[in-house]
Amino acid sequence: MRRLCLTFVFFALLASFLPTAVDASTSSHNKRVKKKHAVHPAASTEAQATSAAPTVERNHGIARAKLVAAYDYAKNLYAAKQFDKGKDIFKKVVLAATDEDLSSDSLYLYSQCAFRTEDFTGCVKGLTILAKRWPDSPIIRSGYVSRFCSYLINDVAHLQTNWDYYRFKERLDEKGSPVWKESIPPGFKIKRINFKLAFGLYRVLRIIEPNSPQAATAGQQLSYMLNAPITMVWVDEKAPPDPWGHPADFFSIFSENEKKDFSKVICERLFFDWQTEKLYKFLVMYDDVRNSKPFFVAKTKPPEENTSPDTSTLSNSAAPPPPASSSAVTPLLRDPLAVLTLSKLFQISGYDPYSDSYTNVIESSPTDLNL
């Protein structure tokens, strides 16, 4: 009996202890969960802090005195007309400097060095970054950039509209490669059309002062350049891919692929950094052989003659008879590609010079392009 009572007391004590232990374990578990939840805001704050863009240190941590020394050294190279070396140093200063005076002046002198080394794309890119990033810099407000752009646009817009060109093989160099020589009539000058530079500088002018008289004048000059008729007589011994000409004779057919290749050869000499295979649509092309030397010939199409009858020589009594009916009158057919202009050439090539971009133009007839 005594043992039974002890057993009962033991189970009673055990029953009173279990809820307390369970409650303690549950409360400790809840505390741990709360602690975990309490850690989440701090963790999210740290994540936001790490994802935030870091602030750029002034001049990227480079001492201003070092950048000024590099800038002065590049200016000395520019004054000594060592534009290649000066351009590289100015570019490094632009990438490192965050101060407005160093960055803007270096961008301007970088564009000048790029222009003098015929890196016209780099020239336009440097001035574009300068106009967008530092529009209120002294180099812009003083008018240096606007005058530079206006002068070059005016120079490029006066393009050479009459090309009488002959390229032939003069001799062979030490390595056996042909040396080509160009011939033009006396008084003429070969002036390549650098329209990409002119339109790039026009975009810079539009960024700086879109409503200024200089920008308006530049727009008119570029419009004149686009619509000026171009005449051409181009004879080239370098263009034929085969030194023996066509396999049959010089009366063989001038294929369309040869015309496209010849168009690219002409564009390579005619333009700066721009080619199109559509130029042959404006030209009469054929091949010929003279003195056992094949060459390609391209000429602009002759002006269309007026097919209407000339009544100036007819007497008053001999008036021309009227047509039989209105339906019998044949309208005058005009070739939309009879006159070569840059505007028509760009349009048929799907190129927009104002934005320096191409459109997805499908091969179509000239009448579909509204030329």
Protein backbone atom coordinates (compact mmCIF):
# COMPACT_ATOMS: atom_id res chain seq x y z
CA MET A 1 0.00 0.00 0.00
CA ARG A 2 2.81 2.32 0.85
CA ARG A 3 4.52 1.49 -2.46
CA LEU A 4 1.28 2.23 -4.32
CA CYS A 5 1.01 5.64 -2.67
CA LEU A 6 4.58 6.52 -3.61
CA THR A 7 3.91 5.59 -7.22
CA PHE A 8 0.83 7.81 -7.28
CA VAL A 9 2.76 10.75 -5.83
CA PHE A 10 5.50 10.26 -8.43
CA PHE A 11 3.08 10.40 -11.33
CA ALA A 12 1.40 13.48 -9.87
CA LEU A 13 4.68 15.31 -9.62
CA LEU A 14 5.57 14.25 -13.19
CA ALA A 15 2.24 15.52 -14.50
CA SER A 16 2.75 18.90 -12.83
CA PHE A 17 6.26 19.21 -14.25
CA LEU A 18 5.51 18.40 -17.95
CA PRO A 19 3.30 21.47 -18.75
CA THR A 20 5.89 23.77 -17.26
CA ALA A 21 8.66 22.22 -19.38
CA VAL A 22 6.49 22.34 -22.51
CA ASP A 23 5.58 25.96 -21.82
CA ALA A 24 9.23 26.82 -21.24
CA SER A 25 10.31 25.13 -24.46
CA THR A 26 7.47 26.81 -26.39
CA SER A 27 8.32 30.24 -25.00
CA SER A 28 12.01 29.77 -25.78
CA HIS A 29 11.08 28.72 -29.32
CA ASN A 30 8.89 31.81 -29.73
CA LYS A 31 11.70 34.01 -28.46
CA ARG A 32 14.03 32.50 -31.04
CA VAL A 33 11.47 33.13 -33.79
CA LYS A 34 11.01 36.72 -32.62
CA LYS A 35 14.75 37.19 -32.58
CA LYS A 36 14.91 35.88 -36.13
CA HIS A 37 12.15 38.25 -37.20
CA ALA A 38 13.92 41.08 -35.46
CA VAL A 39 17.07 40.37 -37.47
CA HIS A 40 15.29 40.61 -40.86
CA PRO A 41 14.94 44.47 -41.03
CA ALA A 42 18.63 44.90 -40.29
CA ALA A 43 19.52 42.36 -42.95
CA SER A 44 17.25 44.09 -45.51
CA THR A 45 18.82 47.44 -44.63
CA GLU A 46 22.28 46.01 -45.18
CA ALA A 47 21.16 44.53 -48.53
CA GLN A 48 19.76 47.87 -49.59
CA ALA A 49 22.98 49.57 -48.55
CA THR A 50 25.06 47.13 -50.56
CA SER A 51 22.78 47.41 -53.62
CA ALA A 52 22.83 51.20 -53.58
CA ALA A 53 25.13 52.82 -56.16
CA PRO A 54 28.40 53.88 -54.57
CA THR A 55 29.26 57.54 -54.73
CA VAL A 56 32.05 58.36 -57.19
CA GLU A 57 35.07 59.73 -55.46
CA ARG A 58 36.42 63.02 -56.74
CA ASN A 59 38.65 62.39 -59.75
CA HIS A 60 38.34 58.68 -58.93
CA GLY A 61 40.79 59.06 -56.07
CA ILE A 62 43.56 60.54 -58.22
CA ALA A 63 45.20 63.69 -56.92
CA ARG A 64 44.19 66.75 -58.91
CA ALA A 65 47.81 67.84 -59.18
CA LYS A 66 48.64 64.67 -61.14
CA LEU A 67 45.74 65.21 -63.54
CA VAL A 68 46.73 68.86 -64.05
CA ALA A 69 50.29 67.77 -64.83
CA ALA A 70 49.04 65.23 -67.38
CA TYR A 71 46.71 67.85 -68.91
CA ASP A 72 49.53 70.37 -69.26
CA TYR A 73 51.79 67.75 -70.82
CA ALA A 74 49.08 66.88 -73.37
CA LYS A 75 48.64 70.58 -74.18
CA ASN A 76 52.34 70.83 -74.92
CA LEU A 77 52.04 67.85 -77.26
CA TYR A 78 49.07 69.54 -78.93
CA ALA A 79 51.08 72.74 -79.40
CA ALA A 80 53.92 70.66 -80.88
CA LYS A 81 51.40 69.10 -83.34
CA GLN A 82 51.89 65.63 -81.91
CA PHE A 83 48.18 65.00 -82.06
CA ASP A 84 48.29 61.20 -81.79
CA LYS A 85 50.07 61.26 -78.44
CA GLY A 86 48.08 64.21 -77.17
CA LYS A 87 44.77 62.52 -78.04
CA ASP A 88 45.59 59.45 -75.94
CA ILE A 89 46.54 61.53 -72.88
CA PHE A 90 43.49 63.79 -73.18
CA LYS A 91 41.30 60.69 -73.33
CA LYS A 92 42.84 59.32 -70.12
CA VAL A 93 42.32 62.65 -68.35
CA VAL A 94 38.66 62.67 -69.46
CA LEU A 95 38.12 59.16 -68.07
CA ALA A 96 39.73 60.00 -64.74
CA ALA A 97 38.68 63.59 -64.04
CA THR A 98 35.34 64.55 -62.52
CA ASP A 99 36.14 68.26 -62.13
CA GLU A 100 34.28 70.31 -64.73
CA ASP A 101 37.21 72.42 -65.88
CA LEU A 102 39.57 69.49 -66.46
CA SER A 103 36.95 67.24 -68.03
CA SER A 104 35.41 69.83 -70.38
CA ASP A 105 38.71 71.28 -71.58
CA SER A 106 40.16 67.82 -72.12
CA LEU A 107 37.09 66.75 -74.11
CA TYR A 108 37.39 69.78 -76.39
CA LEU A 109 41.11 69.32 -77.02
CA TYR A 110 40.57 65.58 -77.51
CA SER A 111 38.07 66.36 -80.28
CA GLN A 112 40.56 68.74 -81.88
CA CYS A 113 43.28 66.08 -81.85
CA ALA A 114 40.84 63.52 -83.26
CA PHE A 115 39.91 65.86 -86.11
CA ARG A 116 43.54 66.48 -87.02
CA THR A 117 44.27 62.75 -87.06
CA GLU A 118 41.20 62.14 -89.29
CA ASP A 119 39.39 60.33 -86.49
CA PHE A 120 36.17 62.12 -87.36
CA THR A 121 33.99 59.69 -85.41
CA GLY A 122 36.01 60.40 -82.26
CA CYS A 123 35.78 64.14 -82.92
CA VAL A 124 31.98 64.05 -83.09
CA LYS A 125 31.73 61.72 -80.10
CA GLY A 126 33.93 63.95 -77.92
CA LEU A 127 31.94 67.10 -78.74
CA THR A 128 28.64 65.27 -78.21
CA ILE A 129 29.68 64.13 -74.72
CA LEU A 130 30.91 67.64 -73.97
CA ALA A 131 27.62 69.23 -75.05
CA LYS A 132 25.51 66.77 -73.06
CA ARG A 133 27.60 66.50 -69.91
CA TRP A 134 28.93 70.05 -69.52
CA PRO A 135 26.48 72.33 -71.39
CA ASP A 136 27.35 75.32 -69.18
CA SER A 137 31.12 74.94 -69.37
CA PRO A 138 33.16 78.01 -70.36
CA ILE A 139 34.45 76.27 -73.49
CA ILE A 140 30.88 76.08 -74.79
CA ARG A 141 29.61 79.42 -73.52
CA SER A 142 32.57 81.19 -75.09
CA GLY A 143 31.45 79.96 -78.53
CA TYR A 144 34.52 77.92 -79.46
CA VAL A 145 32.51 74.76 -80.11
CA SER A 146 29.78 76.51 -82.11
CA ARG A 147 32.28 78.32 -84.34
CA PHE A 148 34.24 75.13 -84.92
CA CYS A 149 31.08 73.24 -85.93
CA SER A 150 29.76 76.03 -88.18
CA TYR A 151 33.06 76.42 -90.01
CA LEU A 152 33.41 72.72 -90.80
CA ILE A 153 29.76 72.31 -91.82
CA ASN A 154 30.14 75.19 -94.25
CA ASP A 155 33.33 73.66 -95.66
CA VAL A 156 31.86 70.18 -96.11
CA ALA A 157 28.57 71.48 -97.58
CA HIS A 158 30.43 72.93 -100.56
CA LEU A 159 30.93 69.53 -102.12
CA GLN A 160 32.52 68.74 -105.44
CA THR A 161 29.66 68.09 -107.86
CA ASN A 162 31.65 67.27 -111.02
CA TRP A 163 33.85 64.18 -110.83
CA ASP A 164 36.09 63.45 -113.82
CA TYR A 165 38.29 60.73 -112.39
CA TYR A 166 40.76 58.24 -113.82
CA ARG A 167 42.77 55.75 -111.76
CA PHE A 168 45.42 53.59 -113.39
CA LYS A 169 48.37 51.39 -112.43
CA GLU A 170 51.59 53.37 -112.62
CA ARG A 171 54.18 50.78 -111.54
CA LEU A 172 54.96 47.96 -109.13
CA ASP A 173 56.61 48.49 -105.77
CA GLU A 174 59.42 46.42 -104.26
CA LYS A 175 56.99 43.73 -103.12
CA GLY A 176 55.38 43.44 -106.53
CA SER A 177 52.14 45.18 -105.51
CA PRO A 178 50.66 47.69 -107.97
CA VAL A 179 50.96 51.39 -107.24
CA TRP A 180 47.84 53.26 -108.32
CA LYS A 181 47.85 56.81 -109.57
CA GLU A 182 44.96 59.23 -109.95
CA SER A 183 44.42 61.66 -112.79
CA ILE A 184 42.00 64.57 -112.97
CA PRO A 185 41.66 67.46 -115.42
CA PRO A 186 43.66 70.64 -114.75
CA GLY A 187 41.95 73.00 -112.35
CA PHE A 188 40.02 70.25 -110.57
CA LYS A 189 40.63 69.04 -107.05
CA ILE A 190 39.68 65.75 -105.45
CA LYS A 191 37.62 66.53 -102.36
CA ARG A 192 36.04 63.58 -100.61
CA ILE A 193 32.55 64.10 -99.23
CA ASN A 194 32.68 63.93 -95.44
CA PHE A 195 28.96 64.22 -94.80
CA LYS A 196 29.07 62.11 -91.61
CA LEU A 197 31.28 64.72 -89.96
CA ALA A 198 29.01 67.56 -91.10
CA PHE A 199 25.81 65.95 -89.82
CA GLY A 200 27.50 64.89 -86.57
CA LEU A 201 28.58 68.47 -85.88
CA TYR A 202 25.07 69.64 -86.80
CA ARG A 203 23.69 67.37 -84.07
CA VAL A 204 26.15 68.96 -81.64
CA LEU A 205 24.89 72.42 -82.62
CA ARG A 206 21.32 71.29 -82.06
CA ILE A 207 22.24 70.14 -78.55
CA ILE A 208 23.99 73.39 -77.63
CA GLU A 209 21.62 75.96 -79.17
CA PRO A 210 18.78 74.34 -81.11
CA ASN A 211 17.16 77.66 -82.06
CA SER A 212 20.29 79.67 -82.80
CA PRO A 213 20.92 81.34 -86.19
CA GLN A 214 24.05 79.23 -86.55
CA ALA A 215 22.05 76.00 -86.33
CA ALA A 216 19.50 77.31 -88.84
CA THR A 217 22.21 78.31 -91.30
CA ALA A 218 23.93 74.95 -90.91
CA GLY A 219 20.63 73.18 -91.62
CA GLN A 220 20.18 75.15 -94.84
CA GLN A 221 23.72 74.38 -95.97
CA LEU A 222 23.23 70.65 -95.36
CA SER A 223 19.94 70.73 -97.26
CA TYR A 224 21.72 72.32 -100.22
CA MET A 225 24.41 69.65 -100.06
CA LEU A 226 21.84 66.84 -100.07
CA ASN A 227 20.00 68.16 -103.14
CA ALA A 228 22.94 69.34 -105.28
CA PRO A 229 23.12 67.36 -108.57
CA ILE A 230 26.32 65.36 -109.04
CA THR A 231 27.78 64.45 -112.43
CA MET A 232 30.42 61.80 -112.81
CA VAL A 233 32.77 60.18 -115.30
CA TRP A 234 34.72 57.47 -113.50
CA VAL A 235 37.32 55.29 -115.21
CA ASP A 236 39.07 52.81 -112.95
CA GLU A 237 41.65 50.12 -113.68
CA LYS A 238 41.66 49.10 -110.01
CA ALA A 239 38.03 48.04 -109.95
CA PRO A 240 38.11 44.88 -112.15
CA PRO A 241 38.62 41.87 -109.87
CA ASP A 242 40.34 39.89 -112.66
CA PRO A 243 43.52 41.42 -114.14
CA TRP A 244 42.57 39.89 -117.52
CA GLY A 245 39.06 41.32 -117.60
CA HIS A 246 36.15 39.13 -118.54
CA PRO A 247 36.96 35.62 -119.74
CA ALA A 248 35.26 36.09 -123.13
CA ASP A 249 35.86 39.61 -124.43
CA PHE A 250 35.16 43.22 -123.56
CA PHE A 251 31.65 42.91 -124.99
CA SER A 252 30.62 40.48 -122.27
CA ILE A 253 27.76 41.29 -119.96
CA PHE A 254 28.45 43.55 -117.01
CA SER A 255 26.75 41.61 -114.22
CA GLU A 256 24.81 43.15 -111.37
CA ASN A 257 27.28 41.84 -108.80
CA GLU A 258 30.09 43.59 -110.65
CA LYS A 259 28.08 46.78 -110.64
CA LYS A 260 27.57 46.50 -106.88
CA ASP A 261 31.26 45.87 -106.29
CA PHE A 262 32.16 48.80 -108.53
CA SER A 263 29.71 50.97 -106.58
CA LYS A 264 31.54 50.16 -103.35
CA VAL A 265 34.91 50.94 -104.96
CA ILE A 266 33.61 54.35 -106.05
CA CYS A 267 32.08 55.06 -102.63
CA GLU A 268 35.34 54.15 -100.90
CA ARG A 269 37.08 56.95 -102.81
CA LEU A 270 34.11 59.32 -102.91
CA PHE A 271 33.06 59.32 -99.23
CA PHE A 272 34.60 59.10 -95.81
CA ASP A 273 33.64 55.91 -93.97
CA TRP A 274 30.48 55.12 -95.93
CA GLN A 275 29.67 52.70 -98.74
CA THR A 276 26.60 51.51 -100.55
CA GLU A 277 26.03 49.05 -103.35
CA LYS A 278 23.06 51.06 -104.66
CA LEU A 279 25.11 53.68 -106.46
CA TYR A 280 24.98 51.77 -109.74
CA LYS A 281 21.25 52.55 -110.02
CA PHE A 282 22.16 56.18 -110.80
CA LEU A 283 24.99 55.37 -113.23
CA VAL A 284 25.60 53.80 -116.62
CA MET A 285 28.29 51.19 -116.07
CA TYR A 286 30.22 49.09 -118.53
CA ASP A 287 33.62 47.46 -118.89
CA ASP A 288 36.21 48.04 -121.59
CA VAL A 289 39.71 46.99 -122.61
CA ARG A 290 42.32 49.38 -123.93
CA ASN A 291 45.96 48.52 -124.57
CA SER A 292 45.26 45.06 -123.13
CA LYS A 293 44.22 46.67 -119.82
CA PRO A 294 40.69 46.09 -118.55
CA PHE A 295 38.91 48.83 -116.64
CA PHE A 296 35.44 49.75 -115.50
CA VAL A 297 33.62 52.90 -116.56
CA ALA A 298 30.76 54.62 -114.75
CA LYS A 299 28.92 57.70 -115.98
CA THR A 300 25.92 59.57 -114.72
CA LYS A 301 22.90 59.27 -116.93
CA PRO A 302 22.48 61.95 -119.61
CA PRO A 303 19.75 64.52 -118.97
CA GLU A 304 16.39 63.51 -120.33
CA GLU A 305 15.39 65.19 -123.52
CA ASN A 306 12.01 66.75 -123.95
CA THR A 307 9.98 64.49 -126.24
CA SER A 308 7.31 67.08 -126.98
CA PRO A 309 7.27 68.33 -130.60
CA ASP A 310 9.13 71.56 -131.37
CA THR A 311 6.67 74.02 -132.98
CA SER A 312 9.05 76.96 -133.22
CA THR A 313 10.03 76.11 -136.82
CA LEU A 314 6.47 75.58 -137.99
CA SER A 315 4.60 78.34 -139.82
CA ASN A 316 1.32 79.69 -138.58
CA SER A 317 -0.57 78.01 -141.39
CA ALA A 318 0.93 74.61 -140.72
CA ALA A 319 -0.16 73.94 -137.20
CA PRO A 320 0.35 70.43 -135.90
CA PRO A 321 -2.77 68.28 -136.07
CA PRO A 322 -4.52 67.63 -132.77
CA PRO A 323 -4.28 64.15 -131.27
CA ALA A 324 -6.90 61.66 -132.24
CA SER A 325 -8.16 61.30 -128.69
CA SER A 326 -7.12 62.18 -125.17
CA SER A 327 -6.38 58.54 -124.48
CA ALA A 328 -3.79 58.53 -127.25
CA VAL A 329 -1.65 61.12 -125.50
CA THR A 330 1.38 59.38 -123.96
CA PRO A 331 2.62 61.05 -120.76
CA LEU A 332 6.27 61.99 -120.54
CA LEU A 333 8.16 59.31 -118.66
CA ARG A 334 10.84 60.61 -116.33
CA ASP A 335 13.47 58.41 -114.68
CA PRO A 336 13.49 59.21 -110.95
CA LEU A 337 17.14 58.12 -110.84
CA ALA A 338 18.28 60.21 -113.79
CA VAL A 339 19.86 62.83 -111.53
CA LEU A 340 22.29 61.73 -108.80
CA THR A 341 21.93 63.56 -105.49
CA LEU A 342 22.97 62.56 -102.00
CA SER A 343 19.37 62.76 -100.84
CA LYS A 344 18.20 60.18 -103.39
CA LEU A 345 21.23 57.98 -102.80
CA PHE A 346 20.63 57.94 -99.03
CA GLN A 347 16.94 57.31 -99.48
CA ILE A 348 17.39 54.36 -101.81
CA SER A 349 20.07 52.99 -99.46
CA GLY A 350 17.82 53.31 -96.40
CA TYR A 351 20.21 55.65 -94.62
CA ASP A 352 19.28 58.69 -92.51
CA PRO A 353 22.22 61.12 -92.24
CA TYR A 354 20.52 63.24 -89.58
CA SER A 355 20.51 60.36 -87.10
CA ASP A 356 23.34 58.32 -88.68
CA SER A 357 21.17 55.22 -88.77
CA TYR A 358 19.69 52.77 -91.24
CA THR A 359 16.10 51.75 -91.73
CA ASN A 360 14.90 48.32 -92.74
CA VAL A 361 14.15 49.16 -96.34
CA ILE A 362 13.14 46.27 -98.55
CA GLU A 363 14.44 46.21 -102.10
CA SER A 364 11.82 48.16 -104.03
CA SER A 365 11.41 50.19 -107.18
CA PRO A 366 12.35 53.90 -107.24
CA THR A 367 8.72 54.92 -107.71
CA ASP A 368 7.80 53.15 -104.48
CA LEU A 369 10.36 55.29 -102.64
CA ASN A 370 8.80 58.52 -103.99
CA LEU A 371 12.10 59.77 -105.33
